Protein backbone atom coordinates (compact mmCIF):
# COMPACT_ATOMS: atom_id res chain seq x y z
CA MET A 1 7.26 16.86 10.41
CA LYS A 2 8.91 19.53 8.33
CA HIS A 3 5.67 21.41 7.01
CA PRO A 4 2.73 20.93 9.55
CA GLU A 5 0.68 23.23 7.55
CA ARG A 6 0.66 20.50 4.73
CA ILE A 7 -0.91 17.76 6.97
CA GLU A 8 -4.15 17.80 5.04
CA ASP A 9 -2.20 17.29 1.89
CA TYR A 10 -0.29 14.36 3.52
CA LEU A 11 -3.50 12.79 4.94
CA GLU A 12 -5.07 12.94 1.44
CA HIS A 13 -2.12 11.13 -0.23
CA ILE A 14 -2.32 8.53 2.34
CA ALA A 15 -6.05 8.04 1.77
CA GLN A 16 -5.38 7.91 -1.92
CA ALA A 17 -2.68 5.18 -1.32
CA ILE A 18 -5.05 3.24 0.83
CA GLN A 19 -7.75 3.42 -1.92
CA ARG A 20 -5.36 2.31 -4.58
CA ALA A 21 -4.03 -0.75 -2.41
CA THR A 22 -7.66 -1.68 -1.64
CA GLU A 23 -8.67 -1.53 -5.36
CA TYR A 24 -5.39 -3.60 -6.28
CA ILE A 25 -6.27 -6.48 -3.85
CA ALA A 26 -10.12 -6.41 -4.38
CA HIS A 27 -9.99 -9.29 -6.94
CA LEU A 28 -7.93 -11.59 -4.83
CA ASP A 29 -9.90 -14.33 -3.00
CA ASN A 30 -7.64 -14.32 0.09
CA VAL A 31 -4.56 -12.82 1.67
CA SER A 32 -2.29 -15.58 0.77
CA ALA A 33 -2.92 -14.79 -2.96
CA PHE A 34 -1.77 -11.32 -2.20
CA ASP A 35 1.45 -12.64 -0.47
CA LYS A 36 2.26 -14.55 -3.60
CA ALA A 37 1.43 -11.79 -6.11
CA SER A 38 3.49 -9.29 -4.00
CA ALA A 39 6.43 -11.47 -3.86
CA ILE A 40 6.63 -11.27 -7.57
CA ARG A 41 6.50 -7.58 -7.69
CA MET A 42 8.58 -6.59 -4.62
CA PRO A 43 12.17 -7.05 -3.85
CA SER A 44 13.01 -9.64 -1.05
CA TYR A 45 14.11 -6.88 1.35
CA ALA A 46 10.90 -5.14 0.97
CA THR A 47 8.74 -8.30 2.03
CA SER A 48 11.00 -9.36 5.04
CA ARG A 49 9.35 -9.12 8.42
C-alpha cells in the first residue's frame, strides 16, 4: 500500500461500495436474477470466473 495513513479513507470507500452494491441488488428476488442483469451491464471479460 502506497499510503498507509489513508487506510481509513480506503475502508470508507469499500464500505460505501458495498452499500451501493447491496442497494443495487436489494430489489432482485434471487442471485440468478443478478447474474442475468449484470451480464447485460458488464463486458464478458469482467464476468469470466
